[in-house]
Amino acid sequence: MIAHLENSGGEKCRSIKCFKDDMRIRERGQMEKKLSEMEYEEEGIVKKIGESLKDKIAGMGIREGKEIKMMTKQPIKGPVVVVVDRSNTSIGLGLADKIIVEVAK
């Protein structure tokens, strides 16, 4: 029965916790999206970072729980520029795909 649950992104939840977490986010009027999917000037809080990236991007100030703001996206799979702690940081699109941000709807 649990295998049939889907979160708001259409992904299969493998546990009741996954489904309940998704429901709490929707009730607060917030949603999760990849950093690479954020719109210009959109702000959010970093919720999840791919395990292999945590050390790599920690030096850029990007950590779970930090506020982040999308500034620009470069065309044709170019880097994205974000603001973290009042500093502009550029990261590749591949890395931005592995960072989940909670944003207001």
N, C-alpha and C. Protein backbone atom coordinates (compact mmCIF):
# COMPACT_ATOMS: atom_id res chain seq x y z
N MET A 1 0.81 -1.19 0.00
CA MET A 1 0.00 0.00 0.00
C MET A 1 0.86 1.26 0.00
N ILE A 2 1.92 1.30 0.74
CA ILE A 2 2.78 2.48 0.81
C ILE A 2 3.41 2.79 -0.54
N ALA A 3 3.74 1.77 -1.31
CA ALA A 3 4.40 1.97 -2.59
C ALA A 3 3.53 2.77 -3.57
N HIS A 4 2.23 2.88 -3.32
CA HIS A 4 1.34 3.59 -4.24
C HIS A 4 1.20 5.07 -3.90
N LEU A 5 1.78 5.53 -2.82
CA LEU A 5 1.69 6.94 -2.45
C LEU A 5 2.60 7.76 -3.36
N GLU A 6 2.15 8.95 -3.74
CA GLU A 6 2.96 9.85 -4.53
C GLU A 6 3.04 11.19 -3.84
N ASN A 7 4.22 11.84 -3.91
CA ASN A 7 4.32 13.18 -3.37
C ASN A 7 3.84 14.17 -4.41
N SER A 8 3.88 15.47 -4.11
CA SER A 8 3.34 16.47 -5.01
C SER A 8 4.12 16.57 -6.31
N GLY A 9 5.35 16.08 -6.33
CA GLY A 9 6.15 16.09 -7.56
C GLY A 9 5.88 14.88 -8.43
N GLY A 10 4.93 14.02 -8.02
CA GLY A 10 4.61 12.83 -8.79
C GLY A 10 5.57 11.68 -8.54
N GLU A 11 6.51 11.86 -7.62
CA GLU A 11 7.46 10.81 -7.32
C GLU A 11 6.85 9.83 -6.32
N LYS A 12 7.23 8.58 -6.44
CA LYS A 12 6.73 7.56 -5.51
C LYS A 12 7.39 7.73 -4.15
N CYS A 13 6.58 7.75 -3.10
CA CYS A 13 7.11 7.79 -1.74
C CYS A 13 7.24 6.36 -1.26
N ARG A 14 8.37 6.04 -0.72
CA ARG A 14 8.59 4.68 -0.23
C ARG A 14 8.26 4.53 1.24
N SER A 15 7.86 5.63 1.86
CA SER A 15 7.53 5.55 3.28
C SER A 15 6.41 6.53 3.61
N ILE A 16 5.74 6.28 4.70
CA ILE A 16 4.71 7.18 5.18
C ILE A 16 5.34 8.53 5.54
N LYS A 17 6.59 8.51 6.09
CA LYS A 17 7.27 9.76 6.46
C LYS A 17 7.44 10.66 5.24
N CYS A 18 7.86 10.12 4.13
CA CYS A 18 8.03 10.90 2.91
C CYS A 18 6.71 11.57 2.53
N PHE A 19 5.64 10.82 2.57
CA PHE A 19 4.32 11.34 2.19
C PHE A 19 3.87 12.41 3.18
N LYS A 20 4.05 12.18 4.49
CA LYS A 20 3.64 13.16 5.50
C LYS A 20 4.46 14.44 5.40
N ASP A 21 5.78 14.31 5.15
CA ASP A 21 6.62 15.50 4.98
C ASP A 21 6.13 16.34 3.82
N ASP A 22 5.78 15.70 2.73
CA ASP A 22 5.28 16.41 1.56
C ASP A 22 3.96 17.11 1.86
N MET A 23 3.10 16.47 2.63
CA MET A 23 1.82 17.07 2.99
C MET A 23 2.02 18.31 3.86
N ARG A 24 2.99 18.25 4.81
CA ARG A 24 3.27 19.41 5.66
C ARG A 24 3.76 20.59 4.83
N ILE A 25 4.60 20.33 3.86
CA ILE A 25 5.11 21.40 3.00
C ILE A 25 3.96 22.05 2.24
N ARG A 26 3.06 21.25 1.69
CA ARG A 26 1.93 21.80 0.93
C ARG A 26 0.99 22.59 1.83
N GLU A 27 0.78 22.14 3.07
CA GLU A 27 -0.10 22.85 3.99
C GLU A 27 0.45 24.22 4.35
N ARG A 28 1.77 24.37 4.41
CA ARG A 28 2.38 25.65 4.73
C ARG A 28 2.44 26.58 3.53
N GLY A 29 1.95 26.14 2.38
CA GLY A 29 1.99 26.97 1.19
C GLY A 29 3.39 27.06 0.60
N GLN A 30 4.17 26.03 0.80
CA GLN A 30 5.53 26.01 0.28
C GLN A 30 5.71 24.78 -0.59
N MET A 31 6.72 24.83 -1.42
CA MET A 31 7.03 23.66 -2.25
C MET A 31 8.54 23.54 -2.40
N GLU A 32 8.96 22.35 -2.75
CA GLU A 32 10.37 22.10 -2.96
C GLU A 32 10.64 22.02 -4.46
N LYS A 33 11.78 22.59 -4.85
CA LYS A 33 12.21 22.48 -6.24
C LYS A 33 13.72 22.49 -6.29
N LYS A 34 14.24 22.04 -7.42
CA LYS A 34 15.69 22.08 -7.61
C LYS A 34 16.14 23.53 -7.73
N LEU A 35 17.33 23.80 -7.26
CA LEU A 35 17.88 25.15 -7.39
C LEU A 35 17.89 25.58 -8.85
N SER A 36 18.18 24.67 -9.74
CA SER A 36 18.24 24.99 -11.17
C SER A 36 16.87 25.37 -11.74
N GLU A 37 15.79 25.04 -11.05
CA GLU A 37 14.43 25.33 -11.52
C GLU A 37 13.87 26.63 -10.95
N MET A 38 14.61 27.27 -10.05
CA MET A 38 14.11 28.51 -9.44
C MET A 38 14.03 29.62 -10.48
N GLU A 39 13.10 30.54 -10.26
CA GLU A 39 12.93 31.69 -11.14
C GLU A 39 13.86 32.82 -10.69
N TYR A 40 14.05 33.80 -11.57
CA TYR A 40 14.85 34.97 -11.23
C TYR A 40 14.27 35.67 -10.01
N GLU A 41 15.12 36.09 -9.10
CA GLU A 41 14.75 36.80 -7.87
C GLU A 41 13.97 35.94 -6.87
N GLU A 42 13.76 34.67 -7.15
CA GLU A 42 13.04 33.79 -6.23
C GLU A 42 13.96 33.43 -5.06
N GLU A 43 13.38 33.38 -3.87
CA GLU A 43 14.14 33.08 -2.67
C GLU A 43 13.63 31.81 -2.02
N GLY A 44 14.49 31.17 -1.27
CA GLY A 44 14.09 29.96 -0.56
C GLY A 44 15.14 29.56 0.46
N ILE A 45 14.92 28.39 1.04
CA ILE A 45 15.83 27.84 2.04
C ILE A 45 16.32 26.49 1.53
N VAL A 46 17.62 26.29 1.58
CA VAL A 46 18.20 25.03 1.13
C VAL A 46 17.74 23.92 2.06
N LYS A 47 17.10 22.89 1.49
CA LYS A 47 16.58 21.78 2.30
C LYS A 47 17.43 20.52 2.19
N LYS A 48 17.88 20.20 0.98
CA LYS A 48 18.65 18.97 0.79
C LYS A 48 19.77 19.23 -0.21
N ILE A 49 20.90 18.63 0.06
CA ILE A 49 22.05 18.70 -0.84
C ILE A 49 22.52 17.27 -1.07
N GLY A 50 22.78 16.94 -2.31
CA GLY A 50 23.30 15.61 -2.61
C GLY A 50 24.52 15.31 -1.75
N GLU A 51 24.56 14.13 -1.18
CA GLU A 51 25.59 13.75 -0.21
C GLU A 51 27.00 13.98 -0.76
N SER A 52 27.22 13.69 -2.03
CA SER A 52 28.55 13.84 -2.61
C SER A 52 28.95 15.30 -2.80
N LEU A 53 27.99 16.22 -2.71
CA LEU A 53 28.27 17.64 -2.94
C LEU A 53 28.51 18.45 -1.69
N LYS A 54 28.06 17.96 -0.55
CA LYS A 54 28.07 18.77 0.67
C LYS A 54 29.42 19.41 0.96
N ASP A 55 30.48 18.66 0.90
CA ASP A 55 31.81 19.21 1.17
C ASP A 55 32.25 20.17 0.08
N LYS A 56 31.91 19.84 -1.14
CA LYS A 56 32.33 20.64 -2.29
C LYS A 56 31.76 22.06 -2.26
N ILE A 57 30.49 22.19 -1.88
CA ILE A 57 29.86 23.51 -1.94
C ILE A 57 29.77 24.21 -0.58
N ALA A 58 30.16 23.54 0.48
CA ALA A 58 30.14 24.17 1.80
C ALA A 58 31.04 25.40 1.83
N GLY A 59 32.15 25.35 1.10
CA GLY A 59 33.06 26.48 1.03
C GLY A 59 32.46 27.69 0.33
N MET A 60 31.41 27.46 -0.44
CA MET A 60 30.70 28.54 -1.13
C MET A 60 29.62 29.15 -0.23
N GLY A 61 29.46 28.57 0.95
CA GLY A 61 28.44 29.06 1.87
C GLY A 61 27.08 28.41 1.70
N ILE A 62 26.98 27.46 0.78
CA ILE A 62 25.69 26.79 0.53
C ILE A 62 25.62 25.56 1.41
N ARG A 63 24.72 25.63 2.40
CA ARG A 63 24.51 24.52 3.33
C ARG A 63 23.02 24.39 3.61
N GLU A 64 22.61 23.24 4.09
CA GLU A 64 21.20 23.04 4.44
C GLU A 64 20.79 24.04 5.51
N GLY A 65 19.62 24.65 5.32
CA GLY A 65 19.10 25.63 6.27
C GLY A 65 19.43 27.07 5.90
N LYS A 66 20.31 27.29 4.92
CA LYS A 66 20.69 28.64 4.50
C LYS A 66 19.67 29.23 3.55
N GLU A 67 19.47 30.55 3.67
CA GLU A 67 18.63 31.27 2.71
C GLU A 67 19.43 31.46 1.44
N ILE A 68 18.72 31.35 0.30
CA ILE A 68 19.38 31.47 -0.99
C ILE A 68 18.45 32.21 -1.95
N LYS A 69 19.02 32.98 -2.85
CA LYS A 69 18.22 33.76 -3.80
C LYS A 69 18.81 33.58 -5.20
N MET A 70 17.96 33.24 -6.17
CA MET A 70 18.41 33.09 -7.55
C MET A 70 18.58 34.48 -8.17
N MET A 71 19.74 34.73 -8.73
CA MET A 71 19.99 36.01 -9.38
C MET A 71 19.91 35.89 -10.90
N THR A 72 20.71 35.01 -11.48
CA THR A 72 20.69 34.85 -12.93
C THR A 72 20.92 33.40 -13.31
N LYS A 73 20.45 33.07 -14.51
CA LYS A 73 20.72 31.77 -15.12
C LYS A 73 21.33 32.05 -16.48
N GLN A 74 22.40 31.38 -16.79
CA GLN A 74 23.03 31.56 -18.09
C GLN A 74 22.39 30.60 -19.10
N PRO A 75 22.27 31.00 -20.35
CA PRO A 75 21.62 30.14 -21.35
C PRO A 75 22.45 28.91 -21.70
N ILE A 76 21.78 27.98 -22.30
CA ILE A 76 22.38 26.75 -22.83
C ILE A 76 23.20 26.01 -21.76
N LYS A 77 22.53 25.67 -20.71
CA LYS A 77 23.11 24.86 -19.62
C LYS A 77 24.31 25.52 -18.95
N GLY A 78 24.30 26.83 -18.91
CA GLY A 78 25.38 27.56 -18.24
C GLY A 78 25.16 27.59 -16.75
N PRO A 79 26.05 28.23 -16.02
CA PRO A 79 25.95 28.28 -14.55
C PRO A 79 24.80 29.19 -14.08
N VAL A 80 24.44 29.01 -12.82
CA VAL A 80 23.47 29.89 -12.18
C VAL A 80 24.22 30.73 -11.14
N VAL A 81 23.73 31.95 -10.93
CA VAL A 81 24.33 32.83 -9.94
C VAL A 81 23.30 33.01 -8.83
N VAL A 82 23.72 32.72 -7.59
CA VAL A 82 22.84 32.84 -6.44
C VAL A 82 23.49 33.74 -5.40
N VAL A 83 22.65 34.24 -4.50
CA VAL A 83 23.16 35.03 -3.38
C VAL A 83 22.97 34.22 -2.11
N VAL A 84 24.06 34.03 -1.37
CA VAL A 84 24.05 33.35 -0.07
C VAL A 84 24.86 34.23 0.87
N ASP A 85 24.26 34.62 1.98
CA ASP A 85 24.95 35.48 2.96
C ASP A 85 25.51 36.75 2.31
N ARG A 86 24.73 37.39 1.48
CA ARG A 86 25.07 38.64 0.80
C ARG A 86 26.26 38.51 -0.15
N SER A 87 26.60 37.28 -0.54
CA SER A 87 27.69 37.05 -1.50
C SER A 87 27.15 36.35 -2.73
N ASN A 88 27.55 36.83 -3.90
CA ASN A 88 27.18 36.17 -5.16
C ASN A 88 28.07 34.96 -5.36
N THR A 89 27.45 33.86 -5.73
CA THR A 89 28.17 32.62 -5.98
C THR A 89 27.67 32.00 -7.27
N SER A 90 28.55 31.56 -8.11
CA SER A 90 28.19 30.92 -9.37
C SER A 90 28.43 29.42 -9.23
N ILE A 91 27.44 28.63 -9.61
CA ILE A 91 27.61 27.17 -9.58
C ILE A 91 27.08 26.58 -10.88
N GLY A 92 27.67 25.49 -11.27
CA GLY A 92 27.27 24.82 -12.50
C GLY A 92 25.86 24.27 -12.41
N LEU A 93 25.23 24.13 -13.56
CA LEU A 93 23.86 23.65 -13.62
C LEU A 93 23.73 22.22 -13.08
N GLY A 94 24.74 21.39 -13.32
CA GLY A 94 24.73 20.02 -12.80
C GLY A 94 24.68 19.98 -11.29
N LEU A 95 25.43 20.88 -10.64
CA LEU A 95 25.41 20.95 -9.18
C LEU A 95 24.07 21.51 -8.71
N ALA A 96 23.57 22.53 -9.42
CA ALA A 96 22.29 23.16 -9.03
C ALA A 96 21.14 22.15 -9.12
N ASP A 97 21.26 21.17 -9.98
CA ASP A 97 20.22 20.12 -10.10
C ASP A 97 20.17 19.23 -8.87
N LYS A 98 21.23 19.20 -8.09
CA LYS A 98 21.32 18.29 -6.93
C LYS A 98 21.07 19.00 -5.61
N ILE A 99 20.60 20.26 -5.69
CA ILE A 99 20.30 21.03 -4.49
C ILE A 99 18.79 21.32 -4.47
N ILE A 100 18.12 20.90 -3.39
CA ILE A 100 16.68 21.10 -3.25
C ILE A 100 16.43 22.29 -2.34
N VAL A 101 15.56 23.19 -2.82
CA VAL A 101 15.25 24.43 -2.09
C VAL A 101 13.76 24.48 -1.81
N GLU A 102 13.39 24.90 -0.60
CA GLU A 102 11.98 25.10 -0.25
C GLU A 102 11.65 26.56 -0.53
N VAL A 103 10.66 26.78 -1.41
CA VAL A 103 10.26 28.13 -1.79
C VAL A 103 8.78 28.32 -1.52
N ALA A 104 8.35 29.57 -1.37
CA ALA A 104 6.93 29.86 -1.20
C ALA A 104 6.23 29.67 -2.54
N LYS A 105 5.00 29.21 -2.51
CA LYS A 105 4.24 29.02 -3.76
C LYS A 105 3.86 30.34 -4.36
